[in-house]
């Protein structure tokens, strides 16, 4: 069976997508920082889908050298990798007062490590002439917000990178989709400003991934924006 490689696959959006792809019959490679949550995710998925192979790897995306080493290891060990889901990421509300450590941490996790892993998987997919790369960006990468300006910078870069990657891989039969949701109900956004029920749900992102995967080979979906109704209504006032 083909493999789906999912970063941040132990919780939130990544885990929701992992559940869906396991249901579809994909063997899973889950990568995340927290080992305990990775083990729990594997146990839960194995209970639901006992026929699926599930491999887990602990990796701190703040350390780009570790990501590069793990990427090489995974690509030596697993083939074919038909789906990559870049879901790992962090949010910071620091902006102009952010120190160098905060900026370096954010750029390493949200951007540099994602690019390192994706570049290597993209070469693998280019050689096999099939595959689909999904990257979780954000609507803040399109519509800037001052309180999370640095976070938005990383997501804007991912959007630009995904567009370039889409064009680069197009002749090889590899698809690239960048998902740009507004606020999604995850632990990262659980700050009390919006009721969790009023946010975009992780299952909405799963449905977007499923739709992109359901398209015919000649139907392309390089970018998908998903907006949150309460936020859009607030803009009308």
Protein backbone atom coordinates (compact mmCIF):
# COMPACT_ATOMS: atom_id res chain seq x y z
CA UNK A 1 0.00 0.00 0.00
CA UNK A 2 1.13 3.59 -0.55
CA UNK A 3 2.21 5.70 2.40
CA UNK A 4 0.92 9.02 3.68
CA UNK A 5 3.48 11.09 5.58
CA UNK A 6 1.88 13.53 8.02
CA UNK A 7 3.70 16.06 10.18
CA UNK A 8 1.90 17.15 13.31
CA UNK A 9 -0.07 13.93 12.92
CA UNK A 10 -0.53 13.27 16.62
CA UNK A 11 -3.23 15.88 17.27
CA UNK A 12 -5.54 18.48 15.76
CA UNK A 13 -5.79 18.81 12.00
CA UNK A 14 -2.94 16.39 11.33
CA UNK A 15 -4.55 13.63 13.39
CA UNK A 16 -7.95 14.21 11.78
CA UNK A 17 -6.39 13.84 8.33
CA UNK A 18 -4.50 10.74 9.50
CA UNK A 19 -7.77 9.12 10.56
CA UNK A 20 -9.32 9.84 7.19
CA UNK A 21 -6.38 8.53 5.18
CA UNK A 22 -6.20 5.39 7.32
CA UNK A 23 -9.88 4.83 6.56
CA UNK A 24 -9.00 5.17 2.87
CA UNK A 25 -6.39 2.42 3.22
CA UNK A 26 -3.16 4.41 3.38
CA UNK A 27 -0.34 3.24 5.62
CA UNK A 28 0.78 6.11 7.83
CA UNK A 29 4.03 7.77 8.82
CA UNK A 30 3.36 10.24 11.62
CA UNK A 31 5.97 12.80 12.65
CA UNK A 32 5.63 15.11 15.65
CA UNK A 33 7.51 16.51 18.64
CA UNK A 34 5.54 14.99 21.52
CA UNK A 35 6.35 11.29 21.90
CA UNK A 36 3.51 10.50 24.32
CA UNK A 37 0.87 11.95 22.01
CA UNK A 38 2.43 10.11 19.07
CA UNK A 39 2.13 6.81 20.93
CA UNK A 40 -1.47 7.56 21.89
CA UNK A 41 -2.30 8.52 18.30
CA UNK A 42 -0.82 5.27 17.02
CA UNK A 43 -2.71 3.22 19.59
CA UNK A 44 -6.00 4.93 18.75
CA UNK A 45 -5.51 4.56 14.99
CA UNK A 46 -4.40 0.94 15.32
CA UNK A 47 -7.55 0.20 17.28
CA UNK A 48 -9.74 1.78 14.61
CA UNK A 49 -7.84 0.47 11.58
CA UNK A 50 -5.94 -2.71 12.55
CA UNK A 51 -4.98 -3.51 8.95
CA UNK A 52 -3.06 -0.26 8.54
CA UNK A 53 0.69 0.01 9.15
CA UNK A 54 1.50 2.99 11.34
CA UNK A 55 5.02 4.25 11.91
CA UNK A 56 5.77 7.11 14.31
CA UNK A 57 8.82 9.36 14.58
CA UNK A 58 9.56 11.96 17.19
CA UNK A 59 11.21 15.04 15.70
CA UNK A 60 11.55 18.62 16.90
CA UNK A 61 10.99 20.90 13.91
CA UNK A 62 12.89 23.64 15.71
CA UNK A 63 16.05 21.68 14.83
CA UNK A 64 16.36 21.74 11.06
CA UNK A 65 19.31 19.33 11.00
CA UNK A 66 17.18 16.70 12.75
CA UNK A 67 14.44 17.18 10.17
CA UNK A 68 16.91 16.72 7.33
CA UNK A 69 18.27 13.50 8.85
CA UNK A 70 14.81 12.11 9.50
CA UNK A 71 13.64 13.01 5.99
CA UNK A 72 16.49 11.01 4.47
CA UNK A 73 15.79 8.08 6.79
CA UNK A 74 12.09 7.97 5.93
CA UNK A 75 12.72 8.18 2.19
CA UNK A 76 15.22 5.32 2.39
CA UNK A 77 12.81 3.16 4.35
CA UNK A 78 9.38 3.79 2.82
CA UNK A 79 8.12 3.76 -0.75
CA UNK A 80 6.00 4.87 -2.41
CA UNK A 81 5.03 7.96 -0.46
CA UNK A 82 1.94 9.14 -2.29
CA UNK A 83 0.76 11.84 0.10
CA UNK A 84 2.59 14.42 2.21
CA UNK A 85 0.61 16.55 4.66
CA UNK A 86 2.51 19.45 6.23
CA UNK A 87 0.51 20.16 9.36
CA UNK A 88 3.21 20.83 11.97
CA UNK A 89 3.34 24.43 13.12
CA UNK A 90 3.28 26.85 16.04
CA UNK A 91 1.57 30.17 16.70
CA UNK A 92 3.02 33.19 18.44
CA UNK A 93 1.35 36.49 19.33
CA UNK A 94 4.71 38.25 19.61
CA UNK A 95 5.29 40.75 16.82
CA UNK A 96 7.57 43.78 16.83
CA UNK A 97 8.70 43.00 20.40
CA UNK A 98 9.80 39.47 19.47
CA UNK A 99 13.42 38.65 20.25
CA UNK A 100 15.77 36.70 18.01
CA UNK A 101 15.06 33.37 19.73
CA UNK A 102 11.31 33.74 19.18
CA UNK A 103 11.78 34.64 15.52
CA UNK A 104 14.27 31.83 14.93
CA UNK A 105 11.99 29.29 16.65
CA UNK A 106 8.97 30.32 14.58
CA UNK A 107 10.82 30.40 11.27
CA UNK A 108 12.48 27.04 11.91
CA UNK A 109 9.26 25.19 12.73
CA UNK A 110 6.75 26.84 10.42
CA UNK A 111 9.00 27.43 7.44
CA UNK A 112 12.55 26.08 7.24
CA UNK A 113 11.85 22.53 8.47
CA UNK A 114 8.72 22.28 6.34
CA UNK A 115 10.70 23.33 3.26
CA UNK A 116 13.51 20.87 4.00
CA UNK A 117 11.14 17.91 4.35
CA UNK A 118 8.93 18.93 1.43
CA UNK A 119 11.85 19.46 -0.95
CA UNK A 120 13.10 15.94 -0.29
CA UNK A 121 9.65 14.34 -0.62
CA UNK A 122 9.02 16.40 -3.77
CA UNK A 123 12.13 14.90 -5.37
CA UNK A 124 10.88 11.42 -4.43
CA UNK A 125 7.47 12.10 -5.97
CA UNK A 126 9.02 13.69 -9.04
CA UNK A 127 10.98 10.48 -9.67
CA UNK A 128 7.94 8.25 -9.20
CA UNK A 129 5.82 10.74 -11.23
CA UNK A 130 2.89 10.69 -8.86
CA UNK A 131 1.89 12.06 -5.49
CA UNK A 132 0.06 14.88 -3.75
CA UNK A 133 1.55 17.43 -1.36
CA UNK A 134 -0.73 19.30 1.05
CA UNK A 135 0.55 22.24 3.07
CA UNK A 136 -1.45 23.84 5.87
CA UNK A 137 -0.88 27.55 5.50
CA UNK A 138 -3.38 30.13 6.77
CA UNK A 139 -5.62 32.93 5.63
CA UNK A 140 -3.32 35.21 7.64
CA UNK A 141 -0.76 34.57 4.91
CA UNK A 142 -3.15 36.32 2.52
CA UNK A 143 -4.84 38.88 4.77
CA UNK A 144 -2.31 40.21 7.29
CA UNK A 145 -3.23 40.64 10.95
CA UNK A 146 -1.09 42.80 13.26
CA UNK A 147 -1.34 40.65 16.41
CA UNK A 148 0.08 37.59 14.67
CA UNK A 149 2.20 39.32 12.07
CA UNK A 150 5.22 37.03 12.39
CA UNK A 151 3.04 33.93 12.14
CA UNK A 152 1.44 35.43 9.03
CA UNK A 153 4.88 35.97 7.48
CA UNK A 154 5.67 32.25 7.73
CA UNK A 155 2.32 31.33 6.22
CA UNK A 156 2.69 33.84 3.37
CA UNK A 157 6.05 32.26 2.57
CA UNK A 158 4.47 28.80 2.55
CA UNK A 159 1.79 29.99 0.15
CA UNK A 160 4.40 31.38 -2.23
CA UNK A 161 6.52 28.25 -1.91
CA UNK A 162 3.52 26.00 -2.61
CA UNK A 163 2.64 27.98 -5.72
CA UNK A 164 6.19 27.63 -7.01
CA UNK A 165 6.23 23.92 -6.14
CA UNK A 166 2.90 23.43 -7.91
CA UNK A 167 4.39 24.83 -11.11
CA UNK A 168 7.64 22.93 -10.75
CA UNK A 169 5.99 19.53 -10.26
CA UNK A 170 3.18 20.00 -12.76
CA UNK A 171 5.03 18.29 -15.66
CA UNK A 172 5.68 15.23 -13.48
CA UNK A 173 2.11 14.37 -12.52
CA UNK A 174 2.56 15.47 -8.90
CA UNK A 175 -0.16 17.67 -7.41
CA UNK A 176 0.34 20.41 -4.83
CA UNK A 177 -2.45 21.95 -2.76
CA UNK A 178 -2.02 24.77 -0.25
CA UNK A 179 -4.85 25.03 2.29
CA UNK A 180 -5.48 28.51 3.68
CA UNK A 181 -8.10 28.30 6.42
CA UNK A 182 -9.10 31.03 8.82
CA UNK A 183 -9.33 30.10 12.52
CA UNK A 184 -9.69 26.32 13.05
CA UNK A 185 -10.84 24.69 16.29
CA UNK A 186 -7.56 23.32 17.65
CA UNK A 187 -5.55 23.68 20.86
CA UNK A 188 -3.51 26.37 19.12
CA UNK A 189 -6.51 28.69 18.77
CA UNK A 190 -8.24 27.88 22.07
CA UNK A 191 -7.88 31.38 23.53
CA UNK A 192 -11.54 32.12 24.29
CA UNK A 193 -11.97 34.91 21.74
CA UNK A 194 -14.31 32.81 19.59
CA UNK A 195 -16.47 29.91 20.70
CA UNK A 196 -14.87 26.69 19.52
CA UNK A 197 -18.15 25.59 17.94
CA UNK A 198 -18.16 28.74 15.81
CA UNK A 199 -14.73 28.04 14.31
CA UNK A 200 -13.85 26.02 11.24
CA UNK A 201 -13.74 22.39 12.35
CA UNK A 202 -10.83 20.00 11.69
CA UNK A 203 -13.27 17.82 9.77
CA UNK A 204 -13.78 20.72 7.34
CA UNK A 205 -10.07 20.53 6.51
CA UNK A 206 -10.38 16.76 6.11
CA UNK A 207 -13.21 17.27 3.63
CA UNK A 208 -11.08 19.76 1.68
CA UNK A 209 -8.25 17.21 1.46
CA UNK A 210 -10.68 14.49 0.43
CA UNK A 211 -12.14 16.72 -2.29
CA UNK A 212 -8.70 17.51 -3.70
CA UNK A 213 -7.80 13.82 -3.73
CA UNK A 214 -11.08 12.93 -5.45
CA UNK A 215 -10.40 15.10 -8.50
CA UNK A 216 -9.40 13.59 -11.82
CA UNK A 217 -5.70 13.73 -12.85
CA UNK A 218 -6.27 16.78 -15.06
CA UNK A 219 -8.21 18.75 -12.43
CA UNK A 220 -5.86 20.89 -10.33
CA UNK A 221 -6.46 22.68 -7.05
CA UNK A 222 -3.29 24.60 -6.14
CA UNK A 223 -4.88 26.67 -3.38
CA UNK A 224 -8.03 26.56 -1.27
CA UNK A 225 -9.20 29.33 1.06
CA UNK A 226 -11.62 28.41 3.85
CA UNK A 227 -13.15 31.30 5.75
CA UNK A 228 -14.83 31.39 9.18
CA UNK A 229 -18.39 32.75 9.10
CA UNK A 230 -18.36 34.71 12.44
CA UNK A 231 -15.13 36.47 11.48
CA UNK A 232 -16.45 37.40 8.04
CA UNK A 233 -19.70 38.69 9.56
CA UNK A 234 -17.71 40.84 11.98
CA UNK A 235 -15.98 42.51 9.04
CA UNK A 236 -19.36 43.71 7.75
CA UNK A 237 -20.10 45.79 10.83
